[in-house]
C-alpha atoms as a PDB file:
ATOM      1  CA  UNK A   1      22.122  35.387 -17.129  1.00  0.00           C
ATOM      2  CA  UNK A   2      23.416  32.042 -16.652  1.00  0.00           C
ATOM      3  CA  UNK A   3      21.353  28.817 -16.428  1.00  0.00           C
ATOM      4  CA  UNK A   4      22.325  26.331 -13.629  1.00  0.00           C
ATOM      5  CA  UNK A   5      21.062  23.187 -13.298  1.00  0.00           C
ATOM      6  CA  UNK A   6      20.449  21.821  -9.924  1.00  0.00           C
ATOM      7  CA  UNK A   7      20.273  17.939  -9.332  1.00  0.00           C
ATOM      8  CA  UNK A   8      17.989  17.542  -5.964  1.00  0.00           C
ATOM      9  CA  UNK A   9      17.066  14.485  -3.534  1.00  0.00           C
ATOM     10  CA  UNK A  10      14.429  15.213  -1.113  1.00  0.00           C
ATOM     11  CA  UNK A  11      11.662  13.428   1.662  1.00  0.00           C
ATOM     12  CA  UNK A  12       8.615  14.509   0.433  1.00  0.00           C
ATOM     13  CA  UNK A  13       7.101  13.664   3.474  1.00  0.00           C
ATOM     14  CA  UNK A  14       6.434  17.104   5.005  1.00  0.00           C
ATOM     15  CA  UNK A  15       6.023  18.925   1.809  1.00  0.00           C
ATOM     16  CA  UNK A  16       2.649  19.449  -0.237  1.00  0.00           C
ATOM     17  CA  UNK A  17       4.173  18.561  -3.474  1.00  0.00           C
ATOM     18  CA  UNK A  18       6.290  20.496  -5.725  1.00  0.00           C
ATOM     19  CA  UNK A  19       4.423  23.750  -6.764  1.00  0.00           C
ATOM     20  CA  UNK A  20       4.299  27.136  -4.999  1.00  0.00           C
ATOM     21  CA  UNK A  21       0.850  26.731  -2.733  1.00  0.00           C
ATOM     22  CA  UNK A  22      -0.334  30.004  -0.790  1.00  0.00           C
ATOM     23  CA  UNK A  23      -0.353  28.587   3.252  1.00  0.00           C
ATOM     24  CA  UNK A  24       0.937  25.260   2.551  1.00  0.00           C
ATOM     25  CA  UNK A  25       5.009  24.282   2.659  1.00  0.00           C
ATOM     26  CA  UNK A  26       6.120  23.056  -0.568  1.00  0.00           C
ATOM     27  CA  UNK A  27       9.569  22.110  -2.575  1.00  0.00           C
ATOM     28  CA  UNK A  28       9.621  24.950  -5.001  1.00  0.00           C
ATOM     29  CA  UNK A  29       8.919  27.458  -2.326  1.00  0.00           C
ATOM     30  CA  UNK A  30      11.302  26.132   0.135  1.00  0.00           C
ATOM     31  CA  UNK A  31      14.223  26.477  -3.061  1.00  0.00           C
ATOM     32  CA  UNK A  32      12.819  29.668  -3.933  1.00  0.00           C
ATOM     33  CA  UNK A  33      13.565  31.082  -0.652  1.00  0.00           C
ATOM     34  CA  UNK A  34      16.974  29.524   0.010  1.00  0.00           C
ATOM     35  CA  UNK A  35      18.147  31.033  -3.659  1.00  0.00           C
ATOM     36  CA  UNK A  36      16.877  34.542  -2.276  1.00  0.00           C
ATOM     37  CA  UNK A  37      18.995  33.789   0.997  1.00  0.00           C
ATOM     38  CA  UNK A  38      22.137  32.724  -0.825  1.00  0.00           C
ATOM     39  CA  UNK A  39      21.832  35.118  -3.626  1.00  0.00           C
ATOM     40  CA  UNK A  40      19.709  37.938  -3.014  1.00  0.00           C
ATOM     41  CA  UNK A  41      17.791  37.212  -6.522  1.00  0.00           C
ATOM     42  CA  UNK A  42      14.214  36.730  -7.091  1.00  0.00           C
ATOM     43  CA  UNK A  43      14.155  33.255  -9.435  1.00  0.00           C
ATOM     44  CA  UNK A  44      11.673  30.702 -10.514  1.00  0.00           C
ATOM     45  CA  UNK A  45      12.641  27.401  -9.739  1.00  0.00           C
ATOM     46  CA  UNK A  46      11.977  25.030 -12.626  1.00  0.00           C
ATOM     47  CA  UNK A  47      11.575  21.352 -12.463  1.00  0.00           C
ATOM     48  CA  UNK A  48      11.516  18.480 -14.794  1.00  0.00           C
ATOM     49  CA  UNK A  49       8.202  18.103 -13.154  1.00  0.00           C
ATOM     50  CA  UNK A  50       5.999  18.497 -10.458  1.00  0.00           C
ATOM     51  CA  UNK A  51       5.970  15.656  -7.744  1.00  0.00           C
ATOM     52  CA  UNK A  52       2.552  15.264  -5.441  1.00  0.00           C
ATOM     53  CA  UNK A  53       2.611  15.527  -1.618  1.00  0.00           C
ATOM     54  CA  UNK A  54       4.459  12.621   0.091  1.00  0.00           C
ATOM     55  CA  UNK A  55       6.485  11.448  -3.308  1.00  0.00           C
ATOM     56  CA  UNK A  56      10.139  11.387  -3.018  1.00  0.00           C
ATOM     57  CA  UNK A  57      13.056  12.205  -5.266  1.00  0.00           C
ATOM     58  CA  UNK A  58      16.268  10.629  -5.573  1.00  0.00           C
ATOM     59  CA  UNK A  59      17.686  12.523  -8.575  1.00  0.00           C
ATOM     60  CA  UNK A  60      15.031  15.580  -9.452  1.00  0.00           C
ATOM     61  CA  UNK A  61      16.280  17.840 -11.996  1.00  0.00           C
ATOM     62  CA  UNK A  62      15.783  22.158 -11.976  1.00  0.00           C
ATOM     63  CA  UNK A  63      16.763  24.859 -13.372  1.00  0.00           C
ATOM     64  CA  UNK A  64      17.210  28.192 -12.698  1.00  0.00           C
ATOM     65  CA  UNK A  65      18.539  31.575 -14.237  1.00  0.00           C
ATOM     66  CA  UNK A  66      20.757  34.026 -12.255  1.00  0.00           C
ATOM     67  CA  UNK A  67      23.143  36.885 -12.641  1.00  0.00           C
ATOM     68  CA  UNK A  68      25.110  36.204  -9.666  1.00  0.00           C
ATOM     69  CA  UNK A  69      28.885  35.244 -10.444  1.00  0.00           C
ATOM     70  CA  UNK A  70      29.106  32.452  -7.487  1.00  0.00           C
ATOM     71  CA  UNK A  71      31.240  29.599  -8.334  1.00  0.00           C
ATOM     72  CA  UNK A  72      29.094  26.554  -8.643  1.00  0.00           C
ATOM     73  CA  UNK A  73      30.820  24.697  -5.790  1.00  0.00           C
ATOM     74  CA  UNK A  74      30.051  27.364  -3.612  1.00  0.00           C
ATOM     75  CA  UNK A  75      26.277  27.762  -4.687  1.00  0.00           C
ATOM     76  CA  UNK A  76      25.782  24.109  -3.738  1.00  0.00           C
ATOM     77  CA  UNK A  77      27.293  24.261  -0.408  1.00  0.00           C
ATOM     78  CA  UNK A  78      25.560  27.718   0.499  1.00  0.00           C
ATOM     79  CA  UNK A  79      22.173  26.101  -0.839  1.00  0.00           C
ATOM     80  CA  UNK A  80      22.372  23.056   1.593  1.00  0.00           C
ATOM     81  CA  UNK A  81      23.581  24.984   4.496  1.00  0.00           C
ATOM     82  CA  UNK A  82      20.118  26.809   4.337  1.00  0.00           C
ATOM     83  CA  UNK A  83      17.827  24.386   3.107  1.00  0.00           C
ATOM     84  CA  UNK A  84      15.865  21.988   5.131  1.00  0.00           C
ATOM     85  CA  UNK A  85      17.485  18.905   5.839  1.00  0.00           C
ATOM     86  CA  UNK A  86      15.036  16.967   3.902  1.00  0.00           C
ATOM     87  CA  UNK A  87      16.219  18.747   0.434  1.00  0.00           C
ATOM     88  CA  UNK A  88      19.522  18.324  -0.490  1.00  0.00           C
ATOM     89  CA  UNK A  89      21.301  19.646  -3.547  1.00  0.00           C
ATOM     90  CA  UNK A  90      23.390  16.907  -4.615  1.00  0.00           C
ATOM     91  CA  UNK A  91      24.826  18.390  -7.723  1.00  0.00           C
ATOM     92  CA  UNK A  92      25.200  21.853  -9.792  1.00  0.00           C
ATOM     93  CA  UNK A  93      26.288  22.638 -12.678  1.00  0.00           C
ATOM     94  CA  UNK A  94      26.485  25.525 -15.770  1.00  0.00           C
ATOM     95  CA  UNK A  95      23.923  24.190 -18.639  1.00  0.00           C
ATOM     96  CA  UNK A  96      23.616  25.354 -21.547  1.00  0.00           C
ATOM     97  CA  UNK A  97      21.141  28.875 -22.029  1.00  0.00           C
ATOM     98  CA  UNK A  98      18.736  26.798 -23.726  1.00  0.00           C
ATOM     99  CA  UNK A  99      18.437  23.924 -21.191  1.00  0.00           C
ATOM    100  CA  UNK A 100      15.046  23.304 -19.921  1.00  0.00           C
ATOM    101  CA  UNK A 101      14.538  21.338 -17.103  1.00  0.00           C
ATOM    102  CA  UNK A 102      11.069  19.737 -18.099  1.00  0.00           C
ATOM    103  CA  UNK A 103      11.461  20.676 -21.834  1.00  0.00           C
ATOM    104  CA  UNK A 104      15.078  19.062 -22.618  1.00  0.00           C
ATOM    105  CA  UNK A 105      14.225  16.014 -20.631  1.00  0.00           C
ATOM    106  CA  UNK A 106      13.910  12.969 -23.004  1.00  0.00           C
ATOM    107  CA  UNK A 107      13.100  10.179 -20.066  1.00  0.00           C
ATOM    108  CA  UNK A 108      12.244   9.684 -16.499  1.00  0.00           C
ATOM    109  CA  UNK A 109      12.841   6.593 -14.209  1.00  0.00           C
ATOM    110  CA  UNK A 110      10.244   6.006 -11.203  1.00  0.00           C
ATOM    111  CA  UNK A 111      10.178   3.626  -8.565  1.00  0.00           C
ATOM    112  CA  UNK A 112       7.428   2.432  -6.140  1.00  0.00           C
ATOM    113  CA  UNK A 113       8.084   0.596  -3.132  1.00  0.00           C
ATOM    114  CA  UNK A 114       5.487  -1.733  -1.550  1.00  0.00           C
ATOM    115  CA  UNK A 115       6.355  -3.459   1.989  1.00  0.00           C
ATOM    116  CA  UNK A 116       5.075  -6.817   2.050  1.00  0.00           C
ATOM    117  CA  UNK A 117       5.903  -8.039   5.760  1.00  0.00           C
ATOM    118  CA  UNK A 118       3.379  -8.257   8.437  1.00  0.00           C
ATOM    119  CA  UNK A 119       4.862  -5.567  10.502  1.00  0.00           C
ATOM    120  CA  UNK A 120       6.447  -2.486   8.828  1.00  0.00           C
ATOM    121  CA  UNK A 121       9.548  -1.081  10.143  1.00  0.00           C
ATOM    122  CA  UNK A 122       8.879   2.529  11.952  1.00  0.00           C
ATOM    123  CA  UNK A 123      11.683   3.622   9.690  1.00  0.00           C
ATOM    124  CA  UNK A 124      10.308   2.940   7.052  1.00  0.00           C
ATOM    125  CA  UNK A 125       6.613   3.944   7.116  1.00  0.00           C
ATOM    126  CA  UNK A 126       7.289   7.266   5.236  1.00  0.00           C
ATOM    127  CA  UNK A 127       8.952   5.563   2.345  1.00  0.00           C
ATOM    128  CA  UNK A 128       7.141   2.206   1.249  1.00  0.00           C
ATOM    129  CA  UNK A 129       3.445   1.495   0.600  1.00  0.00           C
ATOM    130  CA  UNK A 130       2.927  -1.365   3.548  1.00  0.00           C
ATOM    131  CA  UNK A 131       0.758  -3.657   1.989  1.00  0.00           C
ATOM    132  CA  UNK A 132       0.937  -7.365   3.924  1.00  0.00           C
ATOM    133  CA  UNK A 133      -2.146  -8.663   2.396  1.00  0.00           C
ATOM    134  CA  UNK A 134      -2.357 -12.009  -0.205  1.00  0.00           C
ATOM    135  CA  UNK A 135      -1.348 -10.932  -3.707  1.00  0.00           C
ATOM    136  CA  UNK A 136      -0.697 -13.100  -6.825  1.00  0.00           C
ATOM    137  CA  UNK A 137       2.820 -11.241  -7.702  1.00  0.00           C
ATOM    138  CA  UNK A 138       3.349 -13.408 -10.576  1.00  0.00           C
ATOM    139  CA  UNK A 139       0.274 -12.044 -12.398  1.00  0.00           C
ATOM    140  CA  UNK A 140       1.426  -8.427 -11.359  1.00  0.00           C
ATOM    141  CA  UNK A 141       4.816  -9.162 -12.596  1.00  0.00           C
ATOM    142  CA  UNK A 142       3.253 -10.133 -16.028  1.00  0.00           C
ATOM    143  CA  UNK A 143       0.708  -7.763 -16.516  1.00  0.00           C
ATOM    144  CA  UNK A 144       3.199  -4.994 -15.551  1.00  0.00           C
ATOM    145  CA  UNK A 145       5.098  -5.507 -19.172  1.00  0.00           C
ATOM    146  CA  UNK A 146       1.691  -4.907 -20.715  1.00  0.00           C
ATOM    147  CA  UNK A 147       2.283  -1.108 -20.442  1.00  0.00           C
ATOM    148  CA  UNK A 148       5.398  -0.891 -22.502  1.00  0.00           C
ATOM    149  CA  UNK A 149       4.961   0.687 -25.962  1.00  0.00           C
ATOM    150  CA  UNK A 150       3.503   4.090 -26.919  1.00  0.00           C
ATOM    151  CA  UNK A 151      -0.095   4.463 -25.638  1.00  0.00           C
ATOM    152  CA  UNK A 152      -2.718   6.802 -24.617  1.00  0.00           C
ATOM    153  CA  UNK A 153      -3.001   6.599 -21.257  1.00  0.00           C
ATOM    154  CA  UNK A 154      -5.929   8.498 -20.467  1.00  0.00           C
ATOM    155  CA  UNK A 155      -7.278   5.596 -18.303  1.00  0.00           C
ATOM    156  CA  UNK A 156      -4.112   6.269 -15.631  1.00  0.00           C
ATOM    157  CA  UNK A 157      -4.375  10.036 -15.622  1.00  0.00           C
ATOM    158  CA  UNK A 158      -5.574  11.983 -12.855  1.00  0.00           C
ATOM    159  CA  UNK A 159      -8.733  13.903 -13.943  1.00  0.00           C
ATOM    160  CA  UNK A 160      -8.160  17.709 -13.259  1.00  0.00           C
ATOM    161  CA  UNK A 161     -10.373  19.484 -10.672  1.00  0.00           C
ATOM    162  CA  UNK A 162     -13.285  21.464 -11.639  1.00  0.00           C
ATOM    163  CA  UNK A 163     -11.853  24.438 -10.126  1.00  0.00           C
ATOM    164  CA  UNK A 164      -8.643  23.979 -12.371  1.00  0.00           C
ATOM    165  CA  UNK A 165     -10.435  24.023 -15.806  1.00  0.00           C
ATOM    166  CA  UNK A 166     -14.130  25.886 -15.973  1.00  0.00           C
ATOM    167  CA  UNK A 167     -15.194  22.626 -18.196  1.00  0.00           C
ATOM    168  CA  UNK A 168     -18.267  20.057 -16.635  1.00  0.00           C
ATOM    169  CA  UNK A 169     -16.691  17.006 -18.650  1.00  0.00           C
ATOM    170  CA  UNK A 170     -14.112  15.084 -16.980  1.00  0.00           C
ATOM    171  CA  UNK A 171     -12.902  14.013 -20.157  1.00  0.00           C
ATOM    172  CA  UNK A 172     -12.891  17.235 -21.782  1.00  0.00           C
ATOM    173  CA  UNK A 173     -11.479  18.669 -18.460  1.00  0.00           C
ATOM    174  CA  UNK A 174      -8.558  16.518 -18.874  1.00  0.00           C
ATOM    175  CA  UNK A 175      -8.267  17.077 -22.775  1.00  0.00           C
ATOM    176  CA  UNK A 176      -7.789  20.815 -22.285  1.00  0.00           C
ATOM    177  CA  UNK A 177      -5.137  20.176 -19.397  1.00  0.00           C
ATOM    178  CA  UNK A 178      -3.118  18.042 -21.629  1.00  0.00           C
ATOM    179  CA  UNK A 179      -2.841  20.067 -24.496  1.00  0.00           C
ATOM    180  CA  UNK A 180      -1.687  19.053 -28.272  1.00  0.00           C
ATOM    181  CA  UNK A 181       0.251  15.946 -26.787  1.00  0.00           C
ATOM    182  CA  UNK A 182      -2.817  14.552 -25.577  1.00  0.00           C
ATOM    183  CA  UNK A 183      -2.174  11.290 -23.159  1.00  0.00           C
ATOM    184  CA  UNK A 184       0.181   9.504 -25.498  1.00  0.00           C
ATOM    185  CA  UNK A 185       3.361   8.424 -23.697  1.00  0.00           C
ATOM    186  CA  UNK A 186       6.255   5.803 -24.669  1.00  0.00           C
ATOM    187  CA  UNK A 187       7.037   3.308 -21.712  1.00  0.00           C
ATOM    188  CA  UNK A 188      10.489   1.993 -22.192  1.00  0.00           C
ATOM    189  CA  UNK A 189      10.658  -0.154 -19.462  1.00  0.00           C
ATOM    190  CA  UNK A 190       7.727  -1.694 -17.102  1.00  0.00           C
ATOM    191  CA  UNK A 191       9.134  -4.209 -14.372  1.00  0.00           C
ATOM    192  CA  UNK A 192       7.685  -5.629 -11.402  1.00  0.00           C
ATOM    193  CA  UNK A 193      10.068  -7.644  -9.338  1.00  0.00           C
ATOM    194  CA  UNK A 194      10.465  -8.965  -5.682  1.00  0.00           C
ATOM    195  CA  UNK A 195      13.381  -7.357  -3.870  1.00  0.00           C
ATOM    196  CA  UNK A 196      13.480  -9.212  -0.376  1.00  0.00           C
ATOM    197  CA  UNK A 197      10.585  -7.635   1.813  1.00  0.00           C
ATOM    198  CA  UNK A 198       9.445  -5.435  -1.252  1.00  0.00           C
ATOM    199  CA  UNK A 199       7.708  -5.560  -4.468  1.00  0.00           C
ATOM    200  CA  UNK A 200       9.534  -3.026  -6.446  1.00  0.00           C
ATOM    201  CA  UNK A 201       8.279  -1.399  -9.826  1.00  0.00           C
ATOM    202  CA  UNK A 202      10.449   0.448 -12.078  1.00  0.00           C
ATOM    203  CA  UNK A 203       8.964   2.047 -15.120  1.00  0.00           C
ATOM    204  CA  UNK A 204      10.988   4.350 -17.259  1.00  0.00           C
ATOM    205  CA  UNK A 205       9.437   6.486 -19.988  1.00  0.00           C
ATOM    206  CA  UNK A 206       9.384   9.655 -22.139  1.00  0.00           C
ATOM    207  CA  UNK A 207       7.172  11.430 -19.983  1.00  0.00           C
ATOM    208  CA  UNK A 208       4.261  10.935 -17.345  1.00  0.00           C
ATOM    209  CA  UNK A 209       0.697  12.099 -16.540  1.00  0.00           C
ATOM    210  CA  UNK A 210      -0.530  13.109 -13.241  1.00  0.00           C
ATOM    211  CA  UNK A 211      -0.873  10.496 -11.162  1.00  0.00           C
ATOM    212  CA  UNK A 212       0.101   7.789 -13.787  1.00  0.00           C
ATOM    213  CA  UNK A 213       2.582   6.041 -11.985  1.00  0.00           C
ATOM    214  CA  UNK A 214       0.300   5.717  -8.866  1.00  0.00           C
ATOM    215  CA  UNK A 215      -2.476   4.549 -11.253  1.00  0.00           C
ATOM    216  CA  UNK A 216      -0.513   1.814 -12.636  1.00  0.00           C
ATOM    217  CA  UNK A 217       0.728   0.478  -9.571  1.00  0.00           C
ATOM    218  CA  UNK A 218      -2.939   0.763  -8.236  1.00  0.00           C
ATOM    219  CA  UNK A 219      -4.089  -1.537 -11.266  1.00  0.00           C
ATOM    220  CA  UNK A 220      -1.544  -3.866 -10.825  1.00  0.00           C
ATOM    221  CA  UNK A 221      -2.336  -4.248  -7.068  1.00  0.00           C
ATOM    222  CA  UNK A 222      -6.251  -4.800  -8.392  1.00  0.00           C
ATOM    223  CA  UNK A 223      -4.907  -7.701 -10.466  1.00  0.00           C
ATOM    224  CA  UNK A 224      -3.104  -9.221  -7.607  1.00  0.00           C
ATOM    225  CA  UNK A 225      -6.206  -9.551  -5.787  1.00  0.00           C
ATOM    226  CA  UNK A 226      -7.795 -11.263  -8.634  1.00  0.00           C
ATOM    227  CA  UNK A 227     -10.050  -8.391  -9.065  1.00  0.00           C
ATOM    228  CA  UNK A 228      -8.975  -7.726 -12.754  1.00  0.00           C
ATOM    229  CA  UNK A 229      -6.995 -10.304 -14.881  1.00  0.00           C
ATOM    230  CA  UNK A 230      -3.482 -10.041 -15.757  1.00  0.00           C
ATOM    231  CA  UNK A 231      -4.341  -9.617 -19.625  1.00  0.00           C
ATOM    232  CA  UNK A 232      -6.579  -6.551 -19.019  1.00  0.00           C
ATOM    233  CA  UNK A 233      -4.122  -4.067 -19.415  1.00  0.00           C
ATOM    234  CA  UNK A 234      -4.672  -3.569 -23.529  1.00  0.00           C
ATOM    235  CA  UNK A 235      -8.486  -3.381 -22.707  1.00  0.00           C
ATOM    236  CA  UNK A 236      -7.964  -0.519 -20.230  1.00  0.00           C
ATOM    237  CA  UNK A 237      -5.661   1.424 -22.113  1.00  0.00           C
ATOM    238  CA  UNK A 238      -8.234   0.950 -24.755  1.00  0.00           C
ATOM    239  CA  UNK A 239     -11.028   2.477 -22.557  1.00  0.00           C
ATOM    240  CA  UNK A 240      -9.394   5.824 -22.690  1.00  0.00           C
ATOM    241  CA  UNK A 241     -11.462   6.392 -19.470  1.00  0.00           C
ATOM    242  CA  UNK A 242     -10.057   6.905 -15.768  1.00  0.00           C
ATOM    243  CA  UNK A 243     -13.082   5.139 -14.322  1.00  0.00           C
ATOM    244  CA  UNK A 244     -11.986   1.645 -16.189  1.00  0.00           C
ATOM    245  CA  UNK A 245      -8.228   1.549 -14.168  1.00  0.00           C
ATOM    246  CA  UNK A 246      -9.753   1.699 -10.563  1.00  0.00           C
ATOM    247  CA  UNK A 247      -7.472   3.105  -7.465  1.00  0.00           C
ATOM    248  CA  UNK A 248      -4.484   5.187  -6.955  1.00  0.00           C
ATOM    249  CA  UNK A 249      -1.809   3.846  -4.967  1.00  0.00           C
ATOM    250  CA  UNK A 250      -0.460   6.179  -1.665  1.00  0.00           C
ATOM    251  CA  UNK A 251       2.100   8.783  -2.648  1.00  0.00           C
ATOM    252  CA  UNK A 252       4.501   7.454  -0.012  1.00  0.00           C
ATOM    253  CA  UNK A 253       6.066   4.749  -2.251  1.00  0.00           C
ATOM    254  CA  UNK A 254       6.991   6.388  -5.329  1.00  0.00           C
ATOM    255  CA  UNK A 255      10.358   7.881  -6.058  1.00  0.00           C
ATOM    256  CA  UNK A 256      11.347  10.006  -8.998  1.00  0.00           C
ATOM    257  CA  UNK A 257      14.570   8.229  -9.711  1.00  0.00           C
ATOM    258  CA  UNK A 258      16.557  10.187 -12.136  1.00  0.00           C
ATOM    259  CA  UNK A 259      15.792  12.295 -15.218  1.00  0.00           C
ATOM    260  CA  UNK A 260      17.600  11.816 -18.658  1.00  0.00           C
ATOM    261  CA  UNK A 261      18.640  14.718 -21.211  1.00  0.00           C
ATOM    262  CA  UNK A 262      20.195  14.359 -24.522  1.00  0.00           C
ATOM    263  CA  UNK A 263      23.637  12.585 -24.719  1.00  0.00           C
ATOM    264  CA  UNK A 264      23.052  11.515 -21.029  1.00  0.00           C
ATOM    265  CA  UNK A 265      21.865   8.475 -19.287  1.00  0.00           C
ATOM    266  CA  UNK A 266      20.341   5.211 -21.019  1.00  0.00           C
ATOM    267  CA  UNK A 267      17.081   6.022 -22.554  1.00  0.00           C
ATOM    268  CA  UNK A 268      15.943   2.194 -21.972  1.00  0.00           C
ATOM    269  CA  UNK A 269      16.301   2.646 -18.111  1.00  0.00           C
ATOM    270  CA  UNK A 270      19.200   2.740 -15.280  1.00  0.00           C
END
């Protein structure tokens, strides 16, 4: 069996997230079908992490295990021929037998784009969060730094739906879903900057919880509105309660930029 590493770029607008779900068009299903068409093999496509409906990727990493001896360069061309144009395989390479797209990852970089002008160009509407209202951007920028370090990010994690885990209490349901590692993650860089017409938030860390980046961005927006103070991030982290953090920013502005593995990339961000 060969372990093949795929680097993927996709427009998440038309997909119901990454994971296969009956009755929905998902990224994992599209890739599985494309591989079956090209190689005539049933495989499981493992990603570095699941992206939600509407979230985009510039450098998602996935792996498959196959028997076919098709050359790497031919596999990339063949997959891009049968995949929808909203998904591109930007790189294919042989990987060590023990490589796992999720378990082997040591860091990820996410980017969130907020468009600040009164009128959003129509060709950007699915790729930025259009927010033309007044914000204290300086306070938001200062607060973003407080996410850096190793923290328990329970306050910024989505609570699993009742149907996924048969537990009534939301906090206990989240704990059961997270497993042994819990909600502790290390954020190496958390930076909000103004780039032209956009506020751009970049966060690099060793792992992220479900909706974590969108919830962090949503909290920064509340700070920008003056509903929360710039110094509240440590307090909200310490609360370990989703109710303490507030809104979730829309999916359309979020991008998975890249995934790092041992011996590659720059762990503190790119």
